[in-house]
Amino acid sequence: MSGTTIKRYVILTPFDKPEVRRAITIAIDREAALDVVYQGLGRVPTSPLLPINNYFPEPVPVEYDPDKAKEMLDKAGVKDLAF
């Protein structure tokens, strides 16, 4: 998915709400995806840049908390979003 594609979906309901996008972010189990797709080889990306890039930022881990994500979606008024 390119940055352009992401920008297009941000204008669609319910993705126009930052709290919905944040909830989706923490609803994804990146470690499990890595295990399934790459059989555990590699590491979960924390930036669109490669670690060898001089401008690579300090890694900011993204939490995985599906219960908190559901709570955030309920609070944002999104009840029928399926993953």
PDB file of N, CA and C in Angstrom:
ATOM      1  N   MET A   1       0.849  -1.167   0.000  1.00  0.00           N
ATOM      2  CA  MET A   1       0.000   0.000   0.000  1.00  0.00           C
ATOM      3  C   MET A   1       0.898   1.234   0.000  1.00  0.00           C
ATOM      4  N   SER A   2       0.677   2.092  -0.935  1.00  0.00           N
ATOM      5  CA  SER A   2       1.510   3.289  -1.031  1.00  0.00           C
ATOM      6  C   SER A   2       0.942   4.406  -0.165  1.00  0.00           C
ATOM      7  N   GLY A   3       1.756   5.430   0.049  1.00  0.00           N
ATOM      8  CA  GLY A   3       1.303   6.593   0.806  1.00  0.00           C
ATOM      9  C   GLY A   3       0.106   7.249   0.157  1.00  0.00           C
ATOM     10  N   THR A   4       0.069   7.228  -1.173  1.00  0.00           N
ATOM     11  CA  THR A   4      -1.052   7.808  -1.906  1.00  0.00           C
ATOM     12  C   THR A   4      -2.339   7.062  -1.579  1.00  0.00           C
ATOM     13  N   THR A   5      -2.262   5.740  -1.518  1.00  0.00           N
ATOM     14  CA  THR A   5      -3.444   4.938  -1.206  1.00  0.00           C
ATOM     15  C   THR A   5      -3.940   5.249   0.197  1.00  0.00           C
ATOM     16  N   ILE A   6      -3.032   5.356   1.141  1.00  0.00           N
ATOM     17  CA  ILE A   6      -3.420   5.678   2.509  1.00  0.00           C
ATOM     18  C   ILE A   6      -4.112   7.031   2.567  1.00  0.00           C
ATOM     19  N   LYS A   7      -3.596   8.004   1.853  1.00  0.00           N
ATOM     20  CA  LYS A   7      -4.199   9.339   1.855  1.00  0.00           C
ATOM     21  C   LYS A   7      -5.619   9.298   1.316  1.00  0.00           C
ATOM     22  N   ARG A   8      -5.871   8.479   0.319  1.00  0.00           N
ATOM     23  CA  ARG A   8      -7.225   8.392  -0.232  1.00  0.00           C
ATOM     24  C   ARG A   8      -8.212   7.884   0.802  1.00  0.00           C
ATOM     25  N   TYR A   9      -7.828   6.889   1.561  1.00  0.00           N
ATOM     26  CA  TYR A   9      -8.751   6.298   2.521  1.00  0.00           C
ATOM     27  C   TYR A   9      -8.972   7.172   3.747  1.00  0.00           C
ATOM     28  N   VAL A  10      -8.102   8.104   4.010  1.00  0.00           N
ATOM     29  CA  VAL A  10      -8.241   8.975   5.173  1.00  0.00           C
ATOM     30  C   VAL A  10      -9.455   9.892   5.022  1.00  0.00           C
ATOM     31  N   ILE A  11      -9.884  10.147   3.811  1.00  0.00           N
ATOM     32  CA  ILE A  11     -11.034  11.037   3.628  1.00  0.00           C
ATOM     33  C   ILE A  11     -12.362  10.279   3.691  1.00  0.00           C
ATOM     34  N   LEU A  12     -12.319   8.959   3.737  1.00  0.00           N
ATOM     35  CA  LEU A  12     -13.541   8.166   3.802  1.00  0.00           C
ATOM     36  C   LEU A  12     -13.946   7.924   5.256  1.00  0.00           C
ATOM     37  N   THR A  13     -15.240   7.937   5.489  1.00  0.00           N
ATOM     38  CA  THR A  13     -15.766   7.620   6.810  1.00  0.00           C
ATOM     39  C   THR A  13     -15.606   6.137   7.063  1.00  0.00           C
ATOM     40  N   PRO A  14     -15.209   5.661   8.186  1.00  0.00           N
ATOM     41  CA  PRO A  14     -14.865   6.315   9.443  1.00  0.00           C
ATOM     42  C   PRO A  14     -13.378   6.656   9.562  1.00  0.00           C
ATOM     43  N   PHE A  15     -12.612   6.452   8.462  1.00  0.00           N
ATOM     44  CA  PHE A  15     -11.166   6.656   8.538  1.00  0.00           C
ATOM     45  C   PHE A  15     -10.768   8.122   8.568  1.00  0.00           C
ATOM     46  N   ASP A  16     -11.730   9.023   8.486  1.00  0.00           N
ATOM     47  CA  ASP A  16     -11.439  10.443   8.597  1.00  0.00           C
ATOM     48  C   ASP A  16     -11.223  10.865  10.049  1.00  0.00           C
ATOM     49  N   LYS A  17     -11.496   9.957  10.986  1.00  0.00           N
ATOM     50  CA  LYS A  17     -11.299  10.245  12.410  1.00  0.00           C
ATOM     51  C   LYS A  17      -9.945   9.688  12.864  1.00  0.00           C
ATOM     52  N   PRO A  18      -9.075  10.531  13.403  1.00  0.00           N
ATOM     53  CA  PRO A  18      -7.764  10.058  13.867  1.00  0.00           C
ATOM     54  C   PRO A  18      -7.855   8.945  14.908  1.00  0.00           C
ATOM     55  N   GLU A  19      -8.864   9.002  15.775  1.00  0.00           N
ATOM     56  CA  GLU A  19      -8.981   7.972  16.810  1.00  0.00           C
ATOM     57  C   GLU A  19      -9.317   6.600  16.204  1.00  0.00           C
ATOM     58  N   VAL A  20     -10.018   6.582  15.075  1.00  0.00           N
ATOM     59  CA  VAL A  20     -10.317   5.319  14.395  1.00  0.00           C
ATOM     60  C   VAL A  20      -9.039   4.759  13.777  1.00  0.00           C
ATOM     61  N   ARG A  21      -8.263   5.620  13.148  1.00  0.00           N
ATOM     62  CA  ARG A  21      -7.001   5.170  12.559  1.00  0.00           C
ATOM     63  C   ARG A  21      -6.047   4.667  13.635  1.00  0.00           C
ATOM     64  N   ARG A  22      -6.006   5.311  14.776  1.00  0.00           N
ATOM     65  CA  ARG A  22      -5.147   4.865  15.886  1.00  0.00           C
ATOM     66  C   ARG A  22      -5.623   3.507  16.417  1.00  0.00           C
ATOM     67  N   ALA A  23      -6.935   3.342  16.525  1.00  0.00           N
ATOM     68  CA  ALA A  23      -7.480   2.068  17.001  1.00  0.00           C
ATOM     69  C   ALA A  23      -7.102   0.931  16.053  1.00  0.00           C
ATOM     70  N   ILE A  24      -7.185   1.181  14.769  1.00  0.00           N
ATOM     71  CA  ILE A  24      -6.802   0.159  13.795  1.00  0.00           C
ATOM     72  C   ILE A  24      -5.316  -0.151  13.913  1.00  0.00           C
ATOM     73  N   THR A  25      -4.520   0.866  14.154  1.00  0.00           N
ATOM     74  CA  THR A  25      -3.082   0.672  14.306  1.00  0.00           C
ATOM     75  C   THR A  25      -2.761  -0.271  15.459  1.00  0.00           C
ATOM     76  N   ILE A  26      -3.441  -0.107  16.592  1.00  0.00           N
ATOM     77  CA  ILE A  26      -3.122  -0.963  17.744  1.00  0.00           C
ATOM     78  C   ILE A  26      -3.875  -2.293  17.711  1.00  0.00           C
ATOM     79  N   ALA A  27      -4.782  -2.459  16.732  1.00  0.00           N
ATOM     80  CA  ALA A  27      -5.503  -3.727  16.606  1.00  0.00           C
ATOM     81  C   ALA A  27      -4.729  -4.752  15.775  1.00  0.00           C
ATOM     82  N   ILE A  28      -3.640  -4.340  15.162  1.00  0.00           N
ATOM     83  CA  ILE A  28      -2.861  -5.235  14.293  1.00  0.00           C
ATOM     84  C   ILE A  28      -1.733  -5.875  15.093  1.00  0.00           C
ATOM     85  N   ASP A  29      -1.711  -7.188  15.085  1.00  0.00           N
ATOM     86  CA  ASP A  29      -0.640  -7.935  15.754  1.00  0.00           C
ATOM     87  C   ASP A  29       0.508  -8.111  14.756  1.00  0.00           C
ATOM     88  N   ARG A  30       1.431  -7.185  14.776  1.00  0.00           N
ATOM     89  CA  ARG A  30       2.529  -7.182  13.816  1.00  0.00           C
ATOM     90  C   ARG A  30       3.465  -8.383  13.977  1.00  0.00           C
ATOM     91  N   GLU A  31       3.683  -8.802  15.203  1.00  0.00           N
ATOM     92  CA  GLU A  31       4.542  -9.971  15.442  1.00  0.00           C
ATOM     93  C   GLU A  31       3.922 -11.221  14.823  1.00  0.00           C
ATOM     94  N   ALA A  32       2.615 -11.404  14.977  1.00  0.00           N
ATOM     95  CA  ALA A  32       1.935 -12.570  14.398  1.00  0.00           C
ATOM     96  C   ALA A  32       1.989 -12.517  12.876  1.00  0.00           C
ATOM     97  N   ALA A  33       1.808 -11.335  12.313  1.00  0.00           N
ATOM     98  CA  ALA A  33       1.881 -11.187  10.861  1.00  0.00           C
ATOM     99  C   ALA A  33       3.278 -11.532  10.355  1.00  0.00           C
ATOM    100  N   LEU A  34       4.289 -11.086  11.073  1.00  0.00           N
ATOM    101  CA  LEU A  34       5.670 -11.393  10.716  1.00  0.00           C
ATOM    102  C   LEU A  34       5.909 -12.901  10.758  1.00  0.00           C
ATOM    103  N   ASP A  35       5.385 -13.554  11.778  1.00  0.00           N
ATOM    104  CA  ASP A  35       5.544 -15.003  11.909  1.00  0.00           C
ATOM    105  C   ASP A  35       4.874 -15.752  10.757  1.00  0.00           C
ATOM    106  N   VAL A  36       3.686 -15.296  10.362  1.00  0.00           N
ATOM    107  CA  VAL A  36       2.951 -15.976   9.299  1.00  0.00           C
ATOM    108  C   VAL A  36       3.578 -15.706   7.931  1.00  0.00           C
ATOM    109  N   VAL A  37       3.853 -14.456   7.645  1.00  0.00           N
ATOM    110  CA  VAL A  37       4.329 -14.084   6.317  1.00  0.00           C
ATOM    111  C   VAL A  37       5.794 -14.453   6.102  1.00  0.00           C
ATOM    112  N   TYR A  38       6.631 -14.194   7.091  1.00  0.00           N
ATOM    113  CA  TYR A  38       8.075 -14.408   6.929  1.00  0.00           C
ATOM    114  C   TYR A  38       8.619 -15.511   7.836  1.00  0.00           C
ATOM    115  N   GLN A  39       7.749 -16.346   8.376  1.00  0.00           N
ATOM    116  CA  GLN A  39       8.138 -17.440   9.261  1.00  0.00           C
ATOM    117  C   GLN A  39       9.044 -16.963  10.398  1.00  0.00           C
ATOM    118  N   GLY A  40       8.754 -15.765  10.917  1.00  0.00           N
ATOM    119  CA  GLY A  40       9.500 -15.243  12.060  1.00  0.00           C
ATOM    120  C   GLY A  40      10.821 -14.589  11.719  1.00  0.00           C
ATOM    121  N   LEU A  41      11.203 -14.599  10.449  1.00  0.00           N
ATOM    122  CA  LEU A  41      12.459 -13.962  10.063  1.00  0.00           C
ATOM    123  C   LEU A  41      12.233 -12.467   9.863  1.00  0.00           C
ATOM    124  N   GLY A  42      13.157 -11.689  10.304  1.00  0.00           N
ATOM    125  CA  GLY A  42      13.029 -10.253  10.151  1.00  0.00           C
ATOM    126  C   GLY A  42      12.579  -9.595  11.433  1.00  0.00           C
ATOM    127  N   ARG A  43      12.157  -8.359  11.309  1.00  0.00           N
ATOM    128  CA  ARG A  43      11.656  -7.635  12.476  1.00  0.00           C
ATOM    129  C   ARG A  43      10.521  -6.720  12.044  1.00  0.00           C
ATOM    130  N   VAL A  44       9.721  -6.369  12.982  1.00  0.00           N
ATOM    131  CA  VAL A  44       8.577  -5.503  12.714  1.00  0.00           C
ATOM    132  C   VAL A  44       9.097  -4.105  12.384  1.00  0.00           C
ATOM    133  N   PRO A  45       8.689  -3.551  11.251  1.00  0.00           N
ATOM    134  CA  PRO A  45       9.169  -2.216  10.891  1.00  0.00           C
ATOM    135  C   PRO A  45       8.585  -1.135  11.797  1.00  0.00           C
ATOM    136  N   THR A  46       9.388  -0.147  12.085  1.00  0.00           N
ATOM    137  CA  THR A  46       8.928   0.987  12.905  1.00  0.00           C
ATOM    138  C   THR A  46       9.009   2.290  12.127  1.00  0.00           C
ATOM    139  N   SER A  47       9.436   2.206  10.862  1.00  0.00           N
ATOM    140  CA  SER A  47       9.598   3.395  10.044  1.00  0.00           C
ATOM    141  C   SER A  47       9.546   2.980   8.579  1.00  0.00           C
ATOM    142  N   PRO A  48       9.140   3.881   7.690  1.00  0.00           N
ATOM    143  CA  PRO A  48       9.201   3.551   6.264  1.00  0.00           C
ATOM    144  C   PRO A  48      10.645   3.534   5.746  1.00  0.00           C
ATOM    145  N   LEU A  49      11.578   4.039   6.548  1.00  0.00           N
ATOM    146  CA  LEU A  49      12.986   4.052   6.165  1.00  0.00           C
ATOM    147  C   LEU A  49      13.686   2.787   6.658  1.00  0.00           C
ATOM    148  N   LEU A  50      14.702   2.365   5.931  1.00  0.00           N
ATOM    149  CA  LEU A  50      15.509   1.231   6.373  1.00  0.00           C
ATOM    150  C   LEU A  50      16.438   1.661   7.498  1.00  0.00           C
ATOM    151  N   PRO A  51      16.753   0.753   8.416  1.00  0.00           N
ATOM    152  CA  PRO A  51      17.641   1.098   9.535  1.00  0.00           C
ATOM    153  C   PRO A  51      19.026   1.577   9.100  1.00  0.00           C
ATOM    154  N   ILE A  52      19.470   1.219   7.900  1.00  0.00           N
ATOM    155  CA  ILE A  52      20.792   1.671   7.446  1.00  0.00           C
ATOM    156  C   ILE A  52      20.779   3.123   6.963  1.00  0.00           C
ATOM    157  N   ASN A  53      19.590   3.712   6.822  1.00  0.00           N
ATOM    158  CA  ASN A  53      19.470   5.099   6.392  1.00  0.00           C
ATOM    159  C   ASN A  53      19.934   6.024   7.513  1.00  0.00           C
ATOM    160  N   ASN A  54      20.707   7.044   7.164  1.00  0.00           N
ATOM    161  CA  ASN A  54      21.211   8.002   8.157  1.00  0.00           C
ATOM    162  C   ASN A  54      20.090   8.754   8.870  1.00  0.00           C
ATOM    163  N   TYR A  55      18.941   8.837   8.252  1.00  0.00           N
ATOM    164  CA  TYR A  55      17.832   9.589   8.841  1.00  0.00           C
ATOM    165  C   TYR A  55      16.817   8.685   9.526  1.00  0.00           C
ATOM    166  N   PHE A  56      17.195   7.437   9.757  1.00  0.00           N
ATOM    167  CA  PHE A  56      16.296   6.495  10.427  1.00  0.00           C
ATOM    168  C   PHE A  56      16.007   6.989  11.838  1.00  0.00           C
ATOM    169  N   PRO A  57      14.718   7.173  12.175  1.00  0.00           N
ATOM    170  CA  PRO A  57      14.385   7.683  13.514  1.00  0.00           C
ATOM    171  C   PRO A  57      14.531   6.595  14.585  1.00  0.00           C
ATOM    172  N   GLU A  58      14.575   7.023  15.819  1.00  0.00           N
ATOM    173  CA  GLU A  58      14.568   6.065  16.927  1.00  0.00           C
ATOM    174  C   GLU A  58      13.279   5.242  16.831  1.00  0.00           C
ATOM    175  N   PRO A  59      13.381   3.932  16.968  1.00  0.00           N
ATOM    176  CA  PRO A  59      12.173   3.105  16.866  1.00  0.00           C
ATOM    177  C   PRO A  59      11.147   3.449  17.949  1.00  0.00           C
ATOM    178  N   VAL A  60       9.922   3.558  17.528  1.00  0.00           N
ATOM    179  CA  VAL A  60       8.813   3.780  18.449  1.00  0.00           C
ATOM    180  C   VAL A  60       7.912   2.556  18.342  1.00  0.00           C
ATOM    181  N   PRO A  61       7.949   1.687  19.331  1.00  0.00           N
ATOM    182  CA  PRO A  61       7.131   0.472  19.232  1.00  0.00           C
ATOM    183  C   PRO A  61       5.642   0.805  19.228  1.00  0.00           C
ATOM    184  N   VAL A  62       4.906   0.058  18.431  1.00  0.00           N
ATOM    185  CA  VAL A  62       3.460   0.221  18.365  1.00  0.00           C
ATOM    186  C   VAL A  62       2.844  -0.880  19.212  1.00  0.00           C
ATOM    187  N   GLU A  63       2.046  -0.480  20.180  1.00  0.00           N
ATOM    188  CA  GLU A  63       1.436  -1.464  21.067  1.00  0.00           C
ATOM    189  C   GLU A  63       0.407  -2.306  20.313  1.00  0.00           C
ATOM    190  N   TYR A  64       0.188  -3.504  20.783  1.00  0.00           N
ATOM    191  CA  TYR A  64      -0.869  -4.377  20.275  1.00  0.00           C
ATOM    192  C   TYR A  64      -1.840  -4.607  21.423  1.00  0.00           C
ATOM    193  N   ASP A  65      -3.032  -4.049  21.291  1.00  0.00           N
ATOM    194  CA  ASP A  65      -4.026  -4.170  22.346  1.00  0.00           C
ATOM    195  C   ASP A  65      -5.421  -4.183  21.717  1.00  0.00           C
ATOM    196  N   PRO A  66      -5.893  -5.352  21.282  1.00  0.00           N
ATOM    197  CA  PRO A  66      -7.191  -5.414  20.612  1.00  0.00           C
ATOM    198  C   PRO A  66      -8.364  -4.964  21.482  1.00  0.00           C
ATOM    199  N   ASP A  67      -8.284  -5.190  22.787  1.00  0.00           N
ATOM    200  CA  ASP A  67      -9.369  -4.741  23.671  1.00  0.00           C
ATOM    201  C   ASP A  67      -9.443  -3.220  23.716  1.00  0.00           C
ATOM    202  N   LYS A  68      -8.292  -2.589  23.811  1.00  0.00           N
ATOM    203  CA  LYS A  68      -8.252  -1.122  23.812  1.00  0.00           C
ATOM    204  C   LYS A  68      -8.725  -0.586  22.457  1.00  0.00           C
ATOM    205  N   ALA A  69      -8.372  -1.283  21.374  1.00  0.00           N
ATOM    206  CA  ALA A  69      -8.804  -0.862  20.037  1.00  0.00           C
ATOM    207  C   ALA A  69     -10.326  -0.906  19.927  1.00  0.00           C
ATOM    208  N   LYS A  70     -10.943  -1.983  20.419  1.00  0.00           N
ATOM    209  CA  LYS A  70     -12.408  -2.087  20.385  1.00  0.00           C
ATOM    210  C   LYS A  70     -13.043  -0.976  21.209  1.00  0.00           C
ATOM    211  N   GLU A  71     -12.454  -0.701  22.359  1.00  0.00           N
ATOM    212  CA  GLU A  71     -12.964   0.372  23.213  1.00  0.00           C
ATOM    213  C   GLU A  71     -12.866   1.724  22.500  1.00  0.00           C
ATOM    214  N   MET A  72     -11.741   1.962  21.844  1.00  0.00           N
ATOM    215  CA  MET A  72     -11.555   3.229  21.117  1.00  0.00           C
ATOM    216  C   MET A  72     -12.551   3.347  19.968  1.00  0.00           C
ATOM    217  N   LEU A  73     -12.805   2.246  19.256  1.00  0.00           N
ATOM    218  CA  LEU A  73     -13.773   2.269  18.161  1.00  0.00           C
ATOM    219  C   LEU A  73     -15.181   2.518  18.682  1.00  0.00           C
ATOM    220  N   ASP A  74     -15.531   1.891  19.795  1.00  0.00           N
ATOM    221  CA  ASP A  74     -16.856   2.138  20.398  1.00  0.00           C
ATOM    222  C   ASP A  74     -17.005   3.598  20.788  1.00  0.00           C
ATOM    223  N   LYS A  75     -15.955   4.153  21.388  1.00  0.00           N
ATOM    224  CA  LYS A  75     -15.981   5.552  21.811  1.00  0.00           C
ATOM    225  C   LYS A  75     -16.110   6.496  20.613  1.00  0.00           C
ATOM    226  N   ALA A  76     -15.532   6.088  19.461  1.00  0.00           N
ATOM    227  CA  ALA A  76     -15.608   6.902  18.248  1.00  0.00           C
ATOM    228  C   ALA A  76     -16.918   6.695  17.501  1.00  0.00           C
ATOM    229  N   GLY A  77     -17.759   5.763  18.010  1.00  0.00           N
ATOM    230  CA  GLY A  77     -19.049   5.533  17.401  1.00  0.00           C
ATOM    231  C   GLY A  77     -19.001   4.569  16.221  1.00  0.00           C
ATOM    232  N   VAL A  78     -17.942   3.787  16.138  1.00  0.00           N
ATOM    233  CA  VAL A  78     -17.789   2.813  15.053  1.00  0.00           C
ATOM    234  C   VAL A  78     -18.053   1.428  15.631  1.00  0.00           C
ATOM    235  N   LYS A  79     -19.171   0.844  15.247  1.00  0.00           N
ATOM    236  CA  LYS A  79     -19.563  -0.441  15.832  1.00  0.00           C
ATOM    237  C   LYS A  79     -19.482  -1.585  14.832  1.00  0.00           C
ATOM    238  N   ASP A  80     -19.547  -1.289  13.537  1.00  0.00           N
ATOM    239  CA  ASP A  80     -19.672  -2.359  12.542  1.00  0.00           C
ATOM    240  C   ASP A  80     -18.420  -2.556  11.683  1.00  0.00           C
ATOM    241  N   LEU A  81     -17.291  -2.098  12.154  1.00  0.00           N
ATOM    242  CA  LEU A  81     -16.047  -2.240  11.396  1.00  0.00           C
ATOM    243  C   LEU A  81     -15.495  -3.638  11.608  1.00  0.00           C
ATOM    244  N   ALA A  82     -15.291  -4.367  10.535  1.00  0.00           N
ATOM    245  CA  ALA A  82     -14.764  -5.732  10.615  1.00  0.00           C
ATOM    246  C   ALA A  82     -13.354  -5.766  10.055  1.00  0.00           C
ATOM    247  N   PHE A  83     -12.521  -6.596  10.647  1.00  0.00           N
ATOM    248  CA  PHE A  83     -11.135  -6.753  10.196  1.00  0.00           C
ATOM    249  C   PHE A  83     -11.001  -8.051   9.450  1.00  0.00           C
TER     250      PHE A  83
END
